[in-house]
């Protein structure tokens, strides 16, 4: 158990394809978070930036980039890169600074202006890079992996394309209620089925887009929050950034081969299951305590997998949970009340931060028409390339 860290402010720049520099999105989100916290930029003791990427690789020193754009004022600065888990690692870095006494209040920022189409490695030959190899050797784009994972769920658990489509229907209806979402139109299962096949069995509306966007948080210690007049803030209680364990016997992006289990017994849990378990253990809660969850729905099938990885149901029971309406707004455990990546798309370094923004608004009771009734405990979970775990537990 660690001390809680207060979320004083949350802000976002709406997702879309705006055609501008990522710095503009991050600055807009940062200013929104500062205004939400009732603080000025000069009050911030440290800024942590989630590195913006170009084709999957660090492109900018994001922390200093945002500090310069906001106006040099001497704050500490840090930058982190963990692919899609960058935002969670930025939150974790900020939390460590606060709990160690290095800073009273920290600004966390992530933003991106994503390329059109599939994310792909930067140019050049890198035969020791599994991300490069999967493209050059197999031609395996991200949607190819998503399709393989969906096929696995169909073969092992009996999931159907109609189940996958229903995830999109659920998330699009919630995204339509979110002013920060890129796609704000509810869709039907018929519309999902009529969209183009991208990686069988997944269709265009089963897969998230690449987007521009930004998100920011203002975090502080509990003493600072009380001095600032916030007696009962939303609190971050756990951040999980664990890595996988050998042997890993299920294919995982970007790896194109499994590890041998001949010499070592497989772990009792998968990598994504271990991400959630570490967060639960640190927070002192379990899946039964959750009010809602935000998960990383790169594809509709992967959202179903997260239900099981988070312990919301047993192995193979995710589609049943969905069909019963348990993960819809008004159900026992709403998942992706924000609309998820289905409604936002990927703005890689901002995504995990945006998830914590949604946790914050839900726990404050400030989510409007998509509000989860009585929200007290929420978890955000995703995964970054190259073995980066990401989960945040927040409470009220």
Protein backbone atom coordinates (compact mmCIF):
# COMPACT_ATOMS: atom_id res chain seq x y z
CA UNK A 1 0.00 0.00 0.00
CA UNK A 2 1.26 3.49 -0.86
CA UNK A 3 -0.04 6.92 -0.01
CA UNK A 4 -2.78 8.32 -2.21
CA UNK A 5 -2.11 11.09 -4.71
CA UNK A 6 -4.85 13.66 -5.37
CA UNK A 7 -6.16 14.48 -8.84
CA UNK A 8 -6.73 18.24 -8.66
CA UNK A 9 -7.35 18.82 -12.35
CA UNK A 10 -8.18 16.97 -15.56
CA UNK A 11 -8.30 18.40 -19.06
CA UNK A 12 -8.42 17.27 -22.67
CA UNK A 13 -8.17 18.57 -26.20
CA UNK A 14 -10.90 16.84 -28.25
CA UNK A 15 -9.76 13.92 -30.41
CA UNK A 16 -9.97 14.21 -34.19
CA UNK A 17 -7.81 14.83 -37.24
CA UNK A 18 -7.00 18.49 -36.82
CA UNK A 19 -3.81 18.72 -38.89
CA UNK A 20 -1.86 20.79 -36.37
CA UNK A 21 1.25 20.27 -34.24
CA UNK A 22 0.84 17.96 -31.25
CA UNK A 23 2.13 20.71 -28.94
CA UNK A 24 -1.06 22.71 -29.47
CA UNK A 25 -3.18 19.81 -28.27
CA UNK A 26 -1.02 19.24 -25.20
CA UNK A 27 -0.98 22.91 -24.24
CA UNK A 28 -4.77 23.16 -24.59
CA UNK A 29 -5.22 20.07 -22.41
CA UNK A 30 -2.70 21.37 -19.85
CA UNK A 31 -4.43 24.73 -19.58
CA UNK A 32 -7.79 23.00 -19.16
CA UNK A 33 -6.38 20.82 -16.37
CA UNK A 34 -4.79 23.81 -14.64
CA UNK A 35 -8.07 25.73 -14.82
CA UNK A 36 -9.91 22.70 -13.45
CA UNK A 37 -7.44 22.60 -10.55
CA UNK A 38 -7.67 26.33 -9.89
CA UNK A 39 -3.90 26.70 -10.34
CA UNK A 40 -1.57 28.71 -12.55
CA UNK A 41 1.26 27.23 -14.56
CA UNK A 42 3.75 29.03 -12.29
CA UNK A 43 2.35 27.03 -9.33
CA UNK A 44 3.55 23.76 -10.87
CA UNK A 45 6.74 22.29 -9.41
CA UNK A 46 7.28 19.59 -12.03
CA UNK A 47 6.01 18.61 -15.46
CA UNK A 48 6.07 15.07 -16.83
CA UNK A 49 5.51 14.54 -20.55
CA UNK A 50 4.45 11.33 -22.23
CA UNK A 51 6.68 11.21 -25.32
CA UNK A 52 5.01 11.80 -28.63
CA UNK A 53 5.87 9.10 -31.15
CA UNK A 54 6.34 8.93 -34.87
CA UNK A 55 5.65 5.51 -36.30
CA UNK A 56 6.13 3.83 -32.93
CA UNK A 57 9.38 5.53 -31.91
CA UNK A 58 10.11 8.56 -29.70
CA UNK A 59 10.05 11.74 -31.76
CA UNK A 60 10.27 14.58 -29.25
CA UNK A 61 11.39 15.33 -25.70
CA UNK A 62 7.81 15.90 -24.70
CA UNK A 63 8.20 17.19 -21.13
CA UNK A 64 10.53 20.05 -22.09
CA UNK A 65 8.53 20.70 -25.25
CA UNK A 66 5.39 21.37 -23.22
CA UNK A 67 7.28 23.34 -20.56
CA UNK A 68 8.67 25.66 -23.24
CA UNK A 69 5.26 26.08 -24.88
CA UNK A 70 3.65 26.96 -21.54
CA UNK A 71 6.52 29.33 -20.70
CA UNK A 72 9.82 28.50 -19.01
CA UNK A 73 9.37 28.88 -15.26
CA UNK A 74 12.01 26.56 -13.82
CA UNK A 75 9.88 23.50 -13.10
CA UNK A 76 11.48 20.07 -12.93
CA UNK A 77 10.94 18.12 -16.13
CA UNK A 78 10.76 14.44 -17.09
CA UNK A 79 9.76 12.55 -20.21
CA UNK A 80 8.69 8.92 -20.55
CA UNK A 81 8.19 6.56 -23.45
CA UNK A 82 6.29 3.31 -23.13
CA UNK A 83 4.25 3.27 -26.35
CA UNK A 84 0.54 3.09 -25.45
CA UNK A 85 1.44 2.85 -21.75
CA UNK A 86 3.36 6.15 -21.82
CA UNK A 87 0.56 8.04 -20.06
CA UNK A 88 0.40 5.60 -17.16
CA UNK A 89 4.18 5.75 -16.74
CA UNK A 90 3.98 9.55 -16.79
CA UNK A 91 1.37 9.38 -14.02
CA UNK A 92 3.59 6.96 -12.11
CA UNK A 93 6.62 9.26 -12.47
CA UNK A 94 4.59 12.20 -11.19
CA UNK A 95 3.30 10.14 -8.29
CA UNK A 96 6.85 9.08 -7.36
CA UNK A 97 8.00 12.70 -7.34
CA UNK A 98 5.11 13.72 -5.10
CA UNK A 99 5.47 10.85 -2.63
CA UNK A 100 9.25 11.34 -2.43
CA UNK A 101 8.85 15.03 -1.65
CA UNK A 102 10.49 16.29 -4.85
CA UNK A 103 7.37 18.24 -5.85
CA UNK A 104 4.09 19.24 -4.23
CA UNK A 105 2.11 19.48 -7.46
CA UNK A 106 2.90 17.99 -10.86
CA UNK A 107 1.45 18.50 -14.34
CA UNK A 108 1.22 15.38 -16.54
CA UNK A 109 0.71 15.93 -20.28
CA UNK A 110 0.46 13.72 -23.35
CA UNK A 111 -0.52 14.61 -26.91
CA UNK A 112 -0.08 13.36 -30.45
CA UNK A 113 -0.74 14.16 -34.07
CA UNK A 114 -0.96 10.62 -35.42
CA UNK A 115 -0.13 9.63 -39.00
CA UNK A 116 -2.91 8.48 -41.26
CA UNK A 117 -3.40 4.74 -41.57
CA UNK A 118 -1.60 1.97 -39.70
CA UNK A 119 1.17 2.73 -37.24
CA UNK A 120 4.42 1.37 -38.65
CA UNK A 121 8.08 1.35 -37.63
CA UNK A 122 10.40 4.14 -38.67
CA UNK A 123 12.61 3.54 -41.70
CA UNK A 124 15.82 1.58 -41.71
CA UNK A 125 16.76 -2.06 -41.16
CA UNK A 126 16.54 -3.33 -37.56
CA UNK A 127 16.51 -7.14 -37.65
CA UNK A 128 16.73 -7.33 -33.84
CA UNK A 129 13.53 -5.27 -33.46
CA UNK A 130 10.37 -7.43 -33.17
CA UNK A 131 8.18 -4.53 -34.30
CA UNK A 132 10.24 -4.12 -37.49
CA UNK A 133 10.31 -7.88 -38.02
CA UNK A 134 6.56 -8.38 -37.85
CA UNK A 135 6.08 -5.86 -40.66
CA UNK A 136 9.01 -6.91 -42.86
CA UNK A 137 8.83 -10.69 -42.36
CA UNK A 138 5.09 -11.23 -41.96
CA UNK A 139 3.49 -8.03 -43.21
CA UNK A 140 1.56 -8.13 -39.93
CA UNK A 141 0.02 -4.73 -39.39
CA UNK A 142 -1.77 -4.02 -36.12
CA UNK A 143 -5.19 -4.98 -37.56
CA UNK A 144 -3.70 -8.32 -38.65
CA UNK A 145 -2.84 -9.04 -35.03
CA UNK A 146 -6.28 -7.89 -33.89
CA UNK A 147 -7.87 -10.25 -36.40
CA UNK A 148 -5.74 -13.19 -35.25
CA UNK A 149 -6.71 -12.49 -31.64
CA UNK A 150 -10.38 -12.34 -32.59
CA UNK A 151 -10.04 -15.68 -34.41
CA UNK A 152 -8.47 -17.16 -31.31
CA UNK A 153 -11.40 -16.04 -29.17
CA UNK A 154 -13.82 -17.52 -31.69
CA UNK A 155 -11.96 -20.84 -31.71
CA UNK A 156 -11.33 -21.12 -27.97
CA UNK A 157 -14.38 -19.44 -26.46
CA UNK A 158 -17.05 -19.47 -29.17
CA UNK A 159 -17.27 -15.68 -29.56
CA UNK A 160 -18.97 -14.51 -32.75
CA UNK A 161 -18.62 -11.50 -35.08
CA UNK A 162 -21.99 -10.39 -33.73
CA UNK A 163 -20.49 -10.27 -30.21
CA UNK A 164 -17.63 -8.13 -31.49
CA UNK A 165 -20.06 -5.82 -33.26
CA UNK A 166 -22.07 -5.39 -30.07
CA UNK A 167 -18.98 -3.97 -28.33
CA UNK A 168 -18.83 -1.25 -30.99
CA UNK A 169 -22.57 -0.58 -30.63
CA UNK A 170 -22.18 -0.14 -26.86
CA UNK A 171 -19.14 2.11 -27.10
CA UNK A 172 -20.42 4.25 -29.96
CA UNK A 173 -23.60 5.02 -28.03
CA UNK A 174 -21.49 6.26 -25.11
CA UNK A 175 -19.05 8.13 -27.33
CA UNK A 176 -21.98 10.01 -28.80
CA UNK A 177 -22.44 11.51 -25.32
CA UNK A 178 -18.78 12.56 -24.92
CA UNK A 179 -17.82 16.03 -26.21
CA UNK A 180 -14.14 15.02 -26.40
CA UNK A 181 -14.74 11.97 -28.62
CA UNK A 182 -13.83 12.02 -32.29
CA UNK A 183 -16.73 9.84 -33.40
CA UNK A 184 -20.01 10.98 -31.90
CA UNK A 185 -22.49 8.87 -33.79
CA UNK A 186 -24.16 5.73 -32.47
CA UNK A 187 -23.96 2.77 -34.86
CA UNK A 188 -25.96 -0.44 -35.21
CA UNK A 189 -24.80 -4.03 -35.56
CA UNK A 190 -26.01 -3.87 -39.15
CA UNK A 191 -23.73 -0.92 -39.85
CA UNK A 192 -20.77 -2.75 -38.33
CA UNK A 193 -21.53 -5.82 -40.46
CA UNK A 194 -21.83 -3.67 -43.59
CA UNK A 195 -18.43 -1.99 -43.08
CA UNK A 196 -15.43 -3.23 -45.04
CA UNK A 197 -13.50 -6.32 -43.89
CA UNK A 198 -10.04 -5.24 -42.71
CA UNK A 199 -8.65 -8.37 -41.03
CA UNK A 200 -11.19 -11.18 -41.05
CA UNK A 201 -13.33 -11.45 -38.96
CA UNK A 202 -12.89 -7.81 -37.98
CA UNK A 203 -14.43 -5.04 -40.04
CA UNK A 204 -13.59 -1.38 -40.26
CA UNK A 205 -15.92 -0.43 -37.40
CA UNK A 206 -14.39 -3.14 -35.18
CA UNK A 207 -10.98 -1.40 -35.22
CA UNK A 208 -9.98 1.94 -33.73
CA UNK A 209 -8.59 4.75 -35.88
CA UNK A 210 -5.43 6.82 -35.44
CA UNK A 211 -6.20 10.29 -34.09
CA UNK A 212 -4.91 13.64 -32.91
CA UNK A 213 -5.62 14.65 -29.33
CA UNK A 214 -4.26 15.60 -25.93
CA UNK A 215 -4.90 14.96 -22.24
CA UNK A 216 -3.48 16.34 -19.00
CA UNK A 217 -3.74 15.91 -15.23
CA UNK A 218 -2.70 18.00 -12.26
CA UNK A 219 -1.61 15.74 -9.40
CA UNK A 220 -0.61 16.64 -5.86
CA UNK A 221 -0.03 15.24 -2.42
CA UNK A 222 -3.00 15.05 -0.07
CA UNK A 223 -1.59 17.78 2.20
CA UNK A 224 -1.28 20.17 -0.74
CA UNK A 225 -4.84 19.34 -1.81
CA UNK A 226 -6.19 20.16 1.65
CA UNK A 227 -4.22 23.41 1.77
CA UNK A 228 -5.67 24.22 -1.62
CA UNK A 229 -9.17 23.76 -0.21
CA UNK A 230 -9.93 20.34 -1.72
CA UNK A 231 -10.91 18.14 1.19
CA UNK A 232 -12.18 15.11 -0.73
CA UNK A 233 -10.42 14.83 -4.10
CA UNK A 234 -10.37 11.89 -6.47
CA UNK A 235 -7.30 9.90 -5.46
CA UNK A 236 -4.95 7.68 -7.42
CA UNK A 237 -4.39 4.65 -5.22
CA UNK A 238 -2.37 2.37 -7.50
CA UNK A 239 -0.40 2.39 -10.73
CA UNK A 240 0.74 -0.90 -12.28
CA UNK A 241 3.57 -0.89 -14.83
CA UNK A 242 4.61 -4.56 -14.69
CA UNK A 243 6.33 -6.51 -17.46
CA UNK A 244 5.59 -10.04 -18.78
CA UNK A 245 7.08 -13.26 -17.41
CA UNK A 246 8.68 -16.10 -19.33
CA UNK A 247 7.37 -18.23 -20.82
CA UNK A 248 4.74 -16.24 -22.69
CA UNK A 249 2.76 -18.88 -24.54
CA UNK A 250 0.17 -16.66 -26.26
CA UNK A 251 1.22 -14.47 -29.18
CA UNK A 252 1.40 -10.82 -28.18
CA UNK A 253 1.96 -7.68 -30.21
CA UNK A 254 4.62 -7.15 -31.57
CA UNK A 255 6.16 -10.57 -30.85
CA UNK A 256 5.70 -13.11 -33.63
CA UNK A 257 6.72 -16.22 -31.70
CA UNK A 258 5.93 -17.64 -28.29
CA UNK A 259 8.51 -18.60 -25.68
CA UNK A 260 9.24 -22.24 -25.02
CA UNK A 261 7.62 -23.74 -21.93
CA UNK A 262 9.83 -26.85 -22.07
CA UNK A 263 12.16 -25.76 -19.28
CA UNK A 264 10.00 -23.39 -17.24
CA UNK A 265 6.40 -23.81 -16.16
CA UNK A 266 4.07 -21.19 -17.62
CA UNK A 267 3.05 -18.45 -15.21
CA UNK A 268 -0.27 -18.89 -13.45
CA UNK A 269 -1.62 -15.81 -15.24
CA UNK A 270 -1.18 -14.01 -18.54
CA UNK A 271 0.64 -10.71 -18.89
CA UNK A 272 -2.53 -8.62 -18.97
CA UNK A 273 -3.93 -10.50 -15.99
CA UNK A 274 -0.75 -9.66 -14.08
CA UNK A 275 -1.16 -5.96 -14.89
CA UNK A 276 -4.55 -5.90 -13.21
CA UNK A 277 -3.51 -8.09 -10.27
CA UNK A 278 -0.60 -5.80 -9.40
CA UNK A 279 -2.91 -2.78 -9.43
CA UNK A 280 -5.51 -4.52 -7.27
CA UNK A 281 -2.91 -5.65 -4.75
CA UNK A 282 -1.40 -2.19 -4.40
CA UNK A 283 -4.82 -0.53 -4.09
CA UNK A 284 -6.18 -3.12 -1.67
CA UNK A 285 -9.23 -3.77 -3.84
CA UNK A 286 -10.47 -6.51 -6.13
CA UNK A 287 -12.61 -6.68 -9.25
CA UNK A 288 -15.68 -7.06 -7.04
CA UNK A 289 -15.03 -3.55 -5.66
CA UNK A 290 -15.01 -1.81 -9.04
CA UNK A 291 -17.75 0.61 -10.05
CA UNK A 292 -16.56 0.86 -13.68
CA UNK A 293 -13.55 0.29 -15.92
CA UNK A 294 -11.84 1.99 -18.85
CA UNK A 295 -10.02 -0.51 -21.06
CA UNK A 296 -7.93 -0.39 -24.18
CA UNK A 297 -10.26 -1.43 -27.00
CA UNK A 298 -7.85 -1.35 -29.95
CA UNK A 299 -10.41 -3.74 -31.41
CA UNK A 300 -13.80 -4.93 -30.26
CA UNK A 301 -12.45 -8.43 -29.58
CA UNK A 302 -9.69 -7.04 -27.36
CA UNK A 303 -12.24 -5.29 -25.16
CA UNK A 304 -13.83 -8.66 -24.48
CA UNK A 305 -10.42 -10.05 -23.55
CA UNK A 306 -9.95 -7.28 -21.00
CA UNK A 307 -13.16 -8.30 -19.20
CA UNK A 308 -11.47 -11.59 -18.37
CA UNK A 309 -8.03 -10.10 -17.74
CA UNK A 310 -9.51 -7.68 -15.18
CA UNK A 311 -11.35 -10.51 -13.44
CA UNK A 312 -14.80 -9.17 -14.28
CA UNK A 313 -15.74 -12.70 -15.30
CA UNK A 314 -14.18 -16.12 -15.76
CA UNK A 315 -12.20 -17.24 -18.81
CA UNK A 316 -14.39 -17.44 -21.88
CA UNK A 317 -17.35 -15.68 -20.24
CA UNK A 318 -16.77 -12.17 -21.63
CA UNK A 319 -19.30 -12.39 -24.45
CA UNK A 320 -21.96 -13.59 -22.00
CA UNK A 321 -21.22 -10.59 -19.78
CA UNK A 322 -21.65 -8.31 -22.77
CA UNK A 323 -24.87 -9.94 -23.97
CA UNK A 324 -26.41 -9.62 -20.52
CA UNK A 325 -25.76 -5.87 -20.52
CA UNK A 326 -23.46 -6.08 -17.49
CA UNK A 327 -20.81 -3.84 -19.10
CA UNK A 328 -23.26 -1.29 -20.52
CA UNK A 329 -24.11 1.98 -18.80
CA UNK A 330 -26.57 1.01 -16.07
CA UNK A 331 -25.10 -2.48 -15.81
CA UNK A 332 -23.22 -3.87 -12.83
CA UNK A 333 -19.78 -2.88 -14.16
CA UNK A 334 -19.88 -0.40 -17.08
CA UNK A 335 -16.83 -0.63 -19.33
CA UNK A 336 -15.65 2.28 -21.49
CA UNK A 337 -18.29 4.77 -20.44
CA UNK A 338 -16.09 7.33 -22.23
CA UNK A 339 -16.78 5.59 -25.54
CA UNK A 340 -13.34 3.98 -25.54
CA UNK A 341 -10.89 3.99 -28.44
CA UNK A 342 -13.82 3.00 -30.62
CA UNK A 343 -15.00 6.59 -30.24
CA UNK A 344 -11.64 8.33 -29.79
CA UNK A 345 -9.03 6.49 -31.84
CA UNK A 346 -5.37 6.29 -30.87
CA UNK A 347 -3.39 9.39 -29.85
CA UNK A 348 -0.74 7.18 -28.32
CA UNK A 349 0.95 9.17 -25.50
CA UNK A 350 -2.34 10.77 -24.44
CA UNK A 351 -4.46 7.62 -24.18
CA UNK A 352 -3.71 6.38 -20.66
CA UNK A 353 -3.89 9.96 -19.37
CA UNK A 354 -7.28 10.37 -21.04
CA UNK A 355 -8.44 7.20 -19.30
CA UNK A 356 -7.55 8.75 -15.92
CA UNK A 357 -9.40 11.93 -16.92
CA UNK A 358 -12.49 9.78 -17.41
CA UNK A 359 -11.93 8.04 -14.07
CA UNK A 360 -11.73 11.49 -12.48
CA UNK A 361 -14.91 12.85 -14.03
CA UNK A 362 -16.85 9.69 -13.25
CA UNK A 363 -15.69 9.62 -9.62
CA UNK A 364 -16.57 13.28 -9.25
CA UNK A 365 -20.05 12.60 -10.62
CA UNK A 366 -19.32 15.06 -13.43
CA UNK A 367 -19.64 12.82 -16.51
CA UNK A 368 -23.05 14.09 -17.58
CA UNK A 369 -25.28 11.75 -19.56
CA UNK A 370 -22.68 8.97 -19.45
CA UNK A 371 -22.34 9.09 -15.65
CA UNK A 372 -21.96 5.77 -13.86
CA UNK A 373 -24.32 5.93 -10.88
CA UNK A 374 -22.62 5.86 -7.48
CA UNK A 375 -19.10 5.51 -8.87
CA UNK A 376 -16.56 4.96 -6.08
CA UNK A 377 -13.72 2.86 -7.54
CA UNK A 378 -12.51 2.78 -11.13
CA UNK A 379 -9.69 1.11 -13.03
CA UNK A 380 -8.04 2.11 -16.29
CA UNK A 381 -6.06 -0.57 -18.12
CA UNK A 382 -4.05 -0.81 -21.31
CA UNK A 383 -0.83 -2.24 -22.65
CA UNK A 384 2.14 -0.73 -24.49
CA UNK A 385 4.33 -2.41 -27.07
CA UNK A 386 7.46 -4.21 -25.86
CA UNK A 387 6.02 -5.39 -22.55
CA UNK A 388 4.77 -2.19 -20.94
CA UNK A 389 1.96 -2.81 -18.48
CA UNK A 390 -0.48 -0.03 -17.64
CA UNK A 391 -3.24 0.13 -15.05
CA UNK A 392 -4.40 2.90 -12.72
CA UNK A 393 -6.85 2.52 -9.84
CA UNK A 394 -8.62 5.69 -8.70
CA UNK A 395 -11.06 6.07 -5.81
CA UNK A 396 -13.36 8.63 -4.25
